[in-house]
PDB file of N, CA and C in Angstrom:
ATOM      1  N   MET A   1     -16.253 -17.669   2.161  1.00  0.00           N
ATOM      2  CA  MET A   1     -14.792 -17.524   3.759  1.00  0.00           C
ATOM      3  C   MET A   1     -13.411 -17.701   3.130  1.00  0.00           C
ATOM      4  N   LYS A   2     -13.612 -18.503   2.161  1.00  0.00           N
ATOM      5  CA  LYS A   2     -11.860 -19.250   1.939  1.00  0.00           C
ATOM      6  C   LYS A   2     -11.261 -17.718   2.044  1.00  0.00           C
ATOM      7  N   THR A   3     -12.166 -17.146   0.580  1.00  0.00           N
ATOM      8  CA  THR A   3     -11.149 -16.077  -0.050  1.00  0.00           C
ATOM      9  C   THR A   3     -11.078 -14.614   0.438  1.00  0.00           C
ATOM     10  N   MET A   4     -12.140 -14.560   1.513  1.00  0.00           N
ATOM     11  CA  MET A   4     -12.098 -13.705   2.264  1.00  0.00           C
ATOM     12  C   MET A   4     -10.769 -13.909   2.940  1.00  0.00           C
ATOM     13  N   VAL A   5     -10.360 -15.058   3.572  1.00  0.00           N
ATOM     14  CA  VAL A   5      -9.194 -15.078   4.604  1.00  0.00           C
ATOM     15  C   VAL A   5      -7.832 -14.774   3.831  1.00  0.00           C
ATOM     16  N   LEU A   6      -8.179 -15.443   2.456  1.00  0.00           N
ATOM     17  CA  LEU A   6      -6.491 -15.129   1.686  1.00  0.00           C
ATOM     18  C   LEU A   6      -6.285 -13.707   1.339  1.00  0.00           C
ATOM     19  N   LEU A   7      -7.007 -13.242   1.081  1.00  0.00           N
ATOM     20  CA  LEU A   7      -7.260 -12.042   0.716  1.00  0.00           C
ATOM     21  C   LEU A   7      -6.930 -10.764   1.906  1.00  0.00           C
ATOM     22  N   LEU A   8      -7.616 -11.471   3.073  1.00  0.00           N
ATOM     23  CA  LEU A   8      -6.383 -11.003   4.385  1.00  0.00           C
ATOM     24  C   LEU A   8      -5.343 -10.995   4.710  1.00  0.00           C
ATOM     25  N   CYS A   9      -4.526 -11.932   4.494  1.00  0.00           N
ATOM     26  CA  CYS A   9      -3.329 -12.988   4.300  1.00  0.00           C
ATOM     27  C   CYS A   9      -3.185 -12.078   2.937  1.00  0.00           C
ATOM     28  N   LEU A  10      -2.935 -11.749   2.083  1.00  0.00           N
ATOM     29  CA  LEU A  10      -2.161 -11.042   1.060  1.00  0.00           C
ATOM     30  C   LEU A  10      -1.900  -9.952   1.751  1.00  0.00           C
ATOM     31  N   ILE A  11      -3.374  -8.688   2.096  1.00  0.00           N
ATOM     32  CA  ILE A  11      -2.840  -7.556   2.432  1.00  0.00           C
ATOM     33  C   ILE A  11      -2.218  -7.717   3.680  1.00  0.00           C
ATOM     34  N   SER A  12      -2.401  -8.281   4.162  1.00  0.00           N
ATOM     35  CA  SER A  12      -1.080  -8.168   5.484  1.00  0.00           C
ATOM     36  C   SER A  12      -0.349  -8.012   4.976  1.00  0.00           C
ATOM     37  N   SER A  13       0.114  -9.063   4.540  1.00  0.00           N
ATOM     38  CA  SER A  13       1.335  -9.391   3.677  1.00  0.00           C
ATOM     39  C   SER A  13       2.042  -8.584   2.595  1.00  0.00           C
ATOM     40  N   LEU A  14       1.115  -7.817   2.472  1.00  0.00           N
ATOM     41  CA  LEU A  14       1.611  -6.483   1.540  1.00  0.00           C
ATOM     42  C   LEU A  14       1.934  -5.160   1.741  1.00  0.00           C
ATOM     43  N   SER A  15       1.203  -5.035   3.656  1.00  0.00           N
ATOM     44  CA  SER A  15       1.771  -3.989   4.171  1.00  0.00           C
ATOM     45  C   SER A  15       2.575  -4.396   4.696  1.00  0.00           C
ATOM     46  N   ALA A  16       3.393  -4.992   4.977  1.00  0.00           N
ATOM     47  CA  ALA A  16       4.871  -5.277   5.508  1.00  0.00           C
ATOM     48  C   ALA A  16       5.979  -5.519   4.725  1.00  0.00           C
ATOM     49  N   CYS A  17       5.488  -5.241   3.522  1.00  0.00           N
ATOM     50  CA  CYS A  17       6.035  -5.024   2.648  1.00  0.00           C
ATOM     51  C   CYS A  17       6.450  -3.768   1.619  1.00  0.00           C
ATOM     52  N   VAL A  18       5.501  -2.629   2.215  1.00  0.00           N
ATOM     53  CA  VAL A  18       5.467  -1.320   1.307  1.00  0.00           C
ATOM     54  C   VAL A  18       6.214  -0.626   3.144  1.00  0.00           C
ATOM     55  N   PRO A  19       7.419   0.136   2.660  1.00  0.00           N
ATOM     56  CA  PRO A  19       7.700   0.370   4.080  1.00  0.00           C
ATOM     57  C   PRO A  19       6.707   1.554   4.413  1.00  0.00           C
ATOM     58  N   MET A  20       7.262   1.271   5.820  1.00  0.00           N
ATOM     59  CA  MET A  20       6.777   2.592   6.888  1.00  0.00           C
ATOM     60  C   MET A  20       7.320   3.691   7.434  1.00  0.00           C
ATOM     61  N   SER A  21       8.196   3.820   6.774  1.00  0.00           N
ATOM     62  CA  SER A  21       8.516   5.045   7.050  1.00  0.00           C
ATOM     63  C   SER A  21       8.449   6.556   5.679  1.00  0.00           C
ATOM     64  N   TYR A  22       7.595   6.834   5.293  1.00  0.00           N
ATOM     65  CA  TYR A  22       7.383   7.796   3.810  1.00  0.00           C
ATOM     66  C   TYR A  22       7.013   9.209   4.970  1.00  0.00           C
ATOM     67  N   VAL A  23       7.357  10.113   4.543  1.00  0.00           N
ATOM     68  CA  VAL A  23       7.154  11.162   4.694  1.00  0.00           C
ATOM     69  C   VAL A  23       6.322  12.096   4.329  1.00  0.00           C
ATOM     70  N   LYS A  24       6.057  13.348   4.304  1.00  0.00           N
ATOM     71  CA  LYS A  24       5.280  14.198   4.086  1.00  0.00           C
ATOM     72  C   LYS A  24       4.976  15.489   4.175  1.00  0.00           C
ATOM     73  N   THR A  25       5.469  16.317   3.820  1.00  0.00           N
ATOM     74  CA  THR A  25       5.366  18.071   4.968  1.00  0.00           C
ATOM     75  C   THR A  25       4.233  18.592   5.387  1.00  0.00           C
ATOM     76  N   GLY A  26       4.079  18.021   6.397  1.00  0.00           N
ATOM     77  CA  GLY A  26       2.329  18.400   7.062  1.00  0.00           C
ATOM     78  C   GLY A  26       1.833  18.151   7.268  1.00  0.00           C
ATOM     79  N   ALA A  27       2.053  16.600   6.894  1.00  0.00           N
ATOM     80  CA  ALA A  27       0.507  15.286   6.908  1.00  0.00           C
ATOM     81  C   ALA A  27       0.841  14.721   8.155  1.00  0.00           C
ATOM     82  N   SER A  28       0.330  13.889   8.427  1.00  0.00           N
ATOM     83  CA  SER A  28       0.101  13.635   9.597  1.00  0.00           C
ATOM     84  C   SER A  28       0.047  11.721   9.113  1.00  0.00           C
ATOM     85  N   SER A  29      -0.242  10.541  10.386  1.00  0.00           N
ATOM     86  CA  SER A  29       0.051   9.255   9.959  1.00  0.00           C
ATOM     87  C   SER A  29      -1.052   9.298   9.413  1.00  0.00           C
ATOM     88  N   ALA A  30      -2.255   9.747  10.392  1.00  0.00           N
ATOM     89  CA  ALA A  30      -3.597   9.285   9.635  1.00  0.00           C
ATOM     90  C   ALA A  30      -3.738   9.323   8.409  1.00  0.00           C
ATOM     91  N   GLU A  31      -3.145  11.078   7.853  1.00  0.00           N
ATOM     92  CA  GLU A  31      -3.002  10.186   6.298  1.00  0.00           C
ATOM     93  C   GLU A  31      -3.007  10.017   5.538  1.00  0.00           C
ATOM     94  N   PHE A  32      -0.856   9.242   5.690  1.00  0.00           N
ATOM     95  CA  PHE A  32      -1.026   8.125   5.317  1.00  0.00           C
ATOM     96  C   PHE A  32      -0.991   7.586   5.618  1.00  0.00           C
ATOM     97  N   GLU A  33      -2.142   6.657   6.703  1.00  0.00           N
ATOM     98  CA  GLU A  33      -2.849   5.406   6.748  1.00  0.00           C
ATOM     99  C   GLU A  33      -3.770   5.413   5.529  1.00  0.00           C
ATOM    100  N   GLN A  34      -4.446   6.448   5.353  1.00  0.00           N
ATOM    101  CA  GLN A  34      -5.366   6.861   4.381  1.00  0.00           C
ATOM    102  C   GLN A  34      -5.105   6.766   2.872  1.00  0.00           C
ATOM    103  N   ASP A  35      -3.955   6.896   2.280  1.00  0.00           N
ATOM    104  CA  ASP A  35      -3.834   6.504   1.317  1.00  0.00           C
ATOM    105  C   ASP A  35      -2.845   5.958   1.421  1.00  0.00           C
ATOM    106  N   LYS A  36      -2.261   4.981   1.982  1.00  0.00           N
ATOM    107  CA  LYS A  36      -1.186   3.566   2.200  1.00  0.00           C
ATOM    108  C   LYS A  36      -2.628   2.669   1.738  1.00  0.00           C
ATOM    109  N   GLN A  37      -3.572   2.860   2.062  1.00  0.00           N
ATOM    110  CA  GLN A  37      -5.041   1.847   2.246  1.00  0.00           C
ATOM    111  C   GLN A  37      -5.532   2.360   0.872  1.00  0.00           C
ATOM    112  N   ALA A  38      -5.428   3.003   0.443  1.00  0.00           N
ATOM    113  CA  ALA A  38      -6.191   3.787  -1.003  1.00  0.00           C
ATOM    114  C   ALA A  38      -5.502   3.090  -2.015  1.00  0.00           C
ATOM    115  N   CYS A  39      -4.039   3.061  -2.185  1.00  0.00           N
ATOM    116  CA  CYS A  39      -2.845   2.196  -2.858  1.00  0.00           C
ATOM    117  C   CYS A  39      -3.188   1.236  -2.748  1.00  0.00           C
ATOM    118  N   ILE A  40      -3.204   0.541  -1.675  1.00  0.00           N
ATOM    119  CA  ILE A  40      -3.403  -1.213  -2.016  1.00  0.00           C
ATOM    120  C   ILE A  40      -4.674  -1.159  -2.367  1.00  0.00           C
ATOM    121  N   TYR A  41      -5.727  -0.833  -2.088  1.00  0.00           N
ATOM    122  CA  TYR A  41      -6.700  -0.761  -2.826  1.00  0.00           C
ATOM    123  C   TYR A  41      -6.852  -0.659  -4.614  1.00  0.00           C
ATOM    124  N   ASP A  42      -6.272  -0.112  -4.696  1.00  0.00           N
ATOM    125  CA  ASP A  42      -6.177   0.807  -6.544  1.00  0.00           C
ATOM    126  C   ASP A  42      -4.410  -1.360  -6.645  1.00  0.00           C
ATOM    127  N   ALA A  43      -3.678  -0.941  -6.143  1.00  0.00           N
ATOM    128  CA  ALA A  43      -3.026  -2.253  -6.717  1.00  0.00           C
ATOM    129  C   ALA A  43      -3.924  -3.642  -7.034  1.00  0.00           C
ATOM    130  N   GLN A  44      -4.512  -3.405  -6.531  1.00  0.00           N
ATOM    131  CA  GLN A  44      -5.166  -4.826  -5.720  1.00  0.00           C
ATOM    132  C   GLN A  44      -6.246  -5.233  -7.060  1.00  0.00           C
ATOM    133  N   LEU A  45      -7.100  -3.816  -7.353  1.00  0.00           N
ATOM    134  CA  LEU A  45      -7.505  -4.063  -8.778  1.00  0.00           C
ATOM    135  C   LEU A  45      -6.722  -3.933 -10.161  1.00  0.00           C
ATOM    136  N   HIS A  46      -6.018  -3.214  -9.978  1.00  0.00           N
ATOM    137  CA  HIS A  46      -4.812  -3.492 -11.475  1.00  0.00           C
ATOM    138  C   HIS A  46      -4.297  -3.980 -12.077  1.00  0.00           C
ATOM    139  N   VAL A  47      -3.489  -5.265 -10.314  1.00  0.00           N
ATOM    140  CA  VAL A  47      -2.523  -6.431 -11.404  1.00  0.00           C
ATOM    141  C   VAL A  47      -3.108  -7.785  -9.991  1.00  0.00           C
ATOM    142  N   ASN A  48      -4.236  -7.508  -9.802  1.00  0.00           N
ATOM    143  CA  ASN A  48      -5.133  -8.926  -9.075  1.00  0.00           C
ATOM    144  C   ASN A  48      -4.313 -10.625  -9.378  1.00  0.00           C
ATOM    145  N   ASN A  49      -4.328 -10.387 -10.361  1.00  0.00           N
ATOM    146  CA  ASN A  49      -3.711 -12.172 -10.273  1.00  0.00           C
ATOM    147  C   ASN A  49      -1.649 -11.499 -10.412  1.00  0.00           C
ATOM    148  N   ASP A  50      -1.458 -11.173 -10.059  1.00  0.00           N
ATOM    149  CA  ASP A  50       0.012 -10.962  -9.428  1.00  0.00           C
ATOM    150  C   ASP A  50       0.204  -9.844  -8.565  1.00  0.00           C
ATOM    151  N   PRO A  51      -0.238 -10.173  -7.084  1.00  0.00           N
ATOM    152  CA  PRO A  51       0.233  -9.705  -5.834  1.00  0.00           C
ATOM    153  C   PRO A  51       1.437  -9.868  -5.675  1.00  0.00           C
ATOM    154  N   MET A  52       2.357 -10.130  -6.302  1.00  0.00           N
ATOM    155  CA  MET A  52       4.209  -9.780  -6.224  1.00  0.00           C
ATOM    156  C   MET A  52       3.938  -8.249  -6.987  1.00  0.00           C
ATOM    157  N   MET A  53       3.756  -7.872  -7.160  1.00  0.00           N
ATOM    158  CA  MET A  53       4.224  -6.329  -8.655  1.00  0.00           C
ATOM    159  C   MET A  53       2.990  -5.391  -7.155  1.00  0.00           C
ATOM    160  N   TRP A  54       2.029  -5.611  -6.385  1.00  0.00           N
ATOM    161  CA  TRP A  54       1.278  -4.901  -5.480  1.00  0.00           C
ATOM    162  C   TRP A  54       2.212  -4.127  -5.322  1.00  0.00           C
ATOM    163  N   PRO A  55       3.340  -4.245  -4.088  1.00  0.00           N
ATOM    164  CA  PRO A  55       4.501  -3.568  -3.430  1.00  0.00           C
ATOM    165  C   PRO A  55       5.000  -2.563  -4.478  1.00  0.00           C
ATOM    166  N   MET A  56       5.476  -2.799  -5.431  1.00  0.00           N
ATOM    167  CA  MET A  56       6.280  -1.552  -6.235  1.00  0.00           C
ATOM    168  C   MET A  56       4.765  -1.005  -6.655  1.00  0.00           C
ATOM    169  N   LEU A  57       3.631  -0.988  -6.769  1.00  0.00           N
ATOM    170  CA  LEU A  57       2.274  -0.208  -7.163  1.00  0.00           C
ATOM    171  C   LEU A  57       2.331   0.957  -5.831  1.00  0.00           C
ATOM    172  N   VAL A  58       2.376   0.098  -4.842  1.00  0.00           N
ATOM    173  CA  VAL A  58       1.980   0.866  -3.363  1.00  0.00           C
ATOM    174  C   VAL A  58       2.738   1.643  -4.089  1.00  0.00           C
ATOM    175  N   SER A  59       4.330   2.219  -3.588  1.00  0.00           N
ATOM    176  CA  SER A  59       5.466   2.539  -3.685  1.00  0.00           C
ATOM    177  C   SER A  59       5.145   3.705  -4.866  1.00  0.00           C
ATOM    178  N   GLN A  60       4.910   3.620  -6.226  1.00  0.00           N
ATOM    179  CA  GLN A  60       4.489   4.475  -6.941  1.00  0.00           C
ATOM    180  C   GLN A  60       3.202   5.176  -6.462  1.00  0.00           C
ATOM    181  N   CYS A  61       2.613   4.700  -5.862  1.00  0.00           N
ATOM    182  CA  CYS A  61       1.183   5.496  -5.930  1.00  0.00           C
ATOM    183  C   CYS A  61       1.520   6.566  -4.986  1.00  0.00           C
ATOM    184  N   LEU A  62       1.568   5.799  -3.370  1.00  0.00           N
ATOM    185  CA  LEU A  62       2.259   6.709  -2.503  1.00  0.00           C
ATOM    186  C   LEU A  62       3.216   8.036  -3.082  1.00  0.00           C
ATOM    187  N   ARG A  63       3.971   7.941  -3.666  1.00  0.00           N
ATOM    188  CA  ARG A  63       4.664   8.603  -4.505  1.00  0.00           C
ATOM    189  C   ARG A  63       4.055   9.954  -4.822  1.00  0.00           C
ATOM    190  N   VAL A  64       3.082   9.206  -5.984  1.00  0.00           N
ATOM    191  CA  VAL A  64       2.378  10.439  -6.799  1.00  0.00           C
ATOM    192  C   VAL A  64       1.695  11.136  -5.699  1.00  0.00           C
ATOM    193  N   LYS A  65       1.292  10.571  -4.644  1.00  0.00           N
ATOM    194  CA  LYS A  65       0.428  11.401  -3.910  1.00  0.00           C
ATOM    195  C   LYS A  65       1.153  11.907  -2.689  1.00  0.00           C
ATOM    196  N   GLY A  66       2.463  12.641  -2.935  1.00  0.00           N
ATOM    197  CA  GLY A  66       3.419  13.665  -2.738  1.00  0.00           C
ATOM    198  C   GLY A  66       4.258  12.775  -1.609  1.00  0.00           C
ATOM    199  N   TRP A  67       4.309  11.765  -1.052  1.00  0.00           N
ATOM    200  CA  TRP A  67       4.963  10.937   0.265  1.00  0.00           C
ATOM    201  C   TRP A  67       6.430  10.675  -0.455  1.00  0.00           C
ATOM    202  N   SER A  68       7.397  10.736   0.237  1.00  0.00           N
ATOM    203  CA  SER A  68       8.485   9.979  -0.142  1.00  0.00           C
ATOM    204  C   SER A  68       9.203   9.353   0.805  1.00  0.00           C
ATOM    205  N   PRO A  69       9.985   8.267   0.359  1.00  0.00           N
ATOM    206  CA  PRO A  69       9.965   7.344   1.463  1.00  0.00           C
ATOM    207  C   PRO A  69      11.431   7.428   2.645  1.00  0.00           C
ATOM    208  N   GLY A  70      11.192   7.566   3.903  1.00  0.00           N
ATOM    209  CA  GLY A  70      11.652   8.023   4.867  1.00  0.00           C
ATOM    210  C   GLY A  70      13.588   7.598   5.152  1.00  0.00           C
ATOM    211  N   ARG A  71      13.800   7.127   6.119  1.00  0.00           N
ATOM    212  CA  ARG A  71      15.130   7.332   6.384  1.00  0.00           C
ATOM    213  C   ARG A  71      15.363   6.453   7.444  1.00  0.00           C
TER     214      ARG A  71
END
């Protein structure tokens, strides 16, 4: 149970680190949320020992999926 709570806290803090204003022509906010969650999941799998790297990986993943940071 403690592990699950810790994981949820880390995910929440990661979400705060990833800029929320990404844009993609023709995409909806629901599509962004889906892509963001997939990128967070991938980041967790690849660097689970260093959560400080997650924001950078999530940002790179979103860019690969066609999202650009908004203004």
